[in-house]
Amino acid sequence: MDTEPTFTTFEGHTRRLTASLAEILTLLHAQPRAGLLTFDDRTGRSVDFDLSGTLDEVLARHAPETPRTGPGRPKLGV
């Protein structure tokens, strides 16, 4: 049950939007604002998006990496 990660955007102390990556980037690309902060809901970390270029270029840059599958040794802890 792996759901798409969500992001929350705040302006000051007001929550503006909680949505998927594509929806957040569409909003930010269409209406750039200097005071918006975006956080990854899984990690709680602030996310800084590079919005230069077309929307498709921005989505390609910030899309989550696909996990690699295949043979190999599992990673061991340090």
Protein backbone atom coordinates (compact mmCIF):
# COMPACT_ATOMS: atom_id res chain seq x y z
CA MET A 1 0.00 0.00 0.00
CA ASP A 2 2.56 2.56 -1.20
CA THR A 3 0.85 5.90 -1.70
CA GLU A 4 2.21 8.91 -3.52
CA PRO A 5 4.10 11.25 -1.17
CA THR A 6 2.35 14.48 -0.23
CA PHE A 7 3.72 17.93 0.40
CA THR A 8 2.29 20.82 2.41
CA THR A 9 2.74 24.47 1.47
CA PHE A 10 2.57 27.27 4.04
CA GLU A 11 2.47 31.03 3.65
CA GLY A 12 3.54 32.47 6.98
CA HIS A 13 1.69 30.40 9.58
CA THR A 14 -1.22 29.60 7.26
CA ARG A 15 -1.43 26.21 5.54
CA ARG A 16 -2.22 26.82 1.87
CA LEU A 17 -2.23 23.37 0.25
CA THR A 18 -1.52 19.70 0.90
CA ALA A 19 -1.14 17.81 -2.37
CA SER A 20 1.03 15.56 -4.50
CA LEU A 21 4.34 16.68 -5.98
CA ALA A 22 2.83 17.38 -9.40
CA GLU A 23 0.04 19.53 -7.93
CA ILE A 24 2.40 21.51 -5.71
CA LEU A 25 4.84 22.15 -8.56
CA THR A 26 1.98 23.17 -10.86
CA LEU A 27 0.79 25.70 -8.27
CA LEU A 28 4.27 27.06 -7.60
CA HIS A 29 5.15 27.27 -11.29
CA ALA A 30 1.88 29.06 -12.17
CA GLN A 31 1.94 31.51 -9.22
CA PRO A 32 5.48 32.00 -7.90
CA ARG A 33 5.48 33.62 -4.47
CA ALA A 34 8.47 34.52 -2.36
CA GLY A 35 6.92 33.69 1.04
CA LEU A 36 5.84 30.08 0.44
CA LEU A 37 7.46 27.24 2.37
CA THR A 38 6.95 23.65 1.26
CA PHE A 39 7.48 20.61 3.48
CA ASP A 40 7.70 16.90 2.67
CA ASP A 41 4.99 15.22 4.77
CA ARG A 42 6.96 11.96 5.10
CA THR A 43 10.16 13.47 6.49
CA GLY A 44 8.98 16.86 7.77
CA ARG A 45 11.87 18.54 5.97
CA SER A 46 11.60 21.80 4.10
CA VAL A 47 11.85 21.39 0.32
CA ASP A 48 13.35 24.05 -1.94
CA PHE A 49 12.22 23.67 -5.55
CA ASP A 50 14.20 24.99 -8.52
CA LEU A 51 11.37 26.41 -10.65
CA SER A 52 13.44 27.52 -13.66
CA GLY A 53 12.30 26.09 -16.99
CA THR A 54 9.01 24.65 -18.17
CA LEU A 55 6.68 22.72 -15.88
CA ASP A 56 7.70 19.40 -17.49
CA GLU A 57 11.39 20.16 -16.84
CA VAL A 58 10.65 21.05 -13.22
CA LEU A 59 8.63 17.85 -12.70
CA ALA A 60 11.42 15.75 -14.23
CA ARG A 61 14.00 17.34 -11.93
CA HIS A 62 11.99 16.82 -8.73
CA ALA A 63 10.32 13.47 -9.43
CA PRO A 64 11.21 10.83 -6.85
CA GLU A 65 13.80 8.32 -7.96
CA THR A 66 12.53 4.88 -8.85
CA PRO A 67 13.96 2.18 -6.61
CA ARG A 68 16.44 -0.14 -8.24
CA THR A 69 15.55 -3.80 -8.30
CA GLY A 70 17.63 -6.75 -9.29
CA PRO A 71 20.39 -8.97 -8.05
CA GLY A 72 22.97 -7.79 -5.61
CA ARG A 73 23.94 -7.81 -2.01
CA PRO A 74 21.75 -6.05 0.51
CA LYS A 75 23.30 -2.95 2.04
CA LEU A 76 24.68 -3.54 5.49
CA GLY A 77 24.57 -0.98 8.28
CA VAL A 78 27.77 0.77 9.24
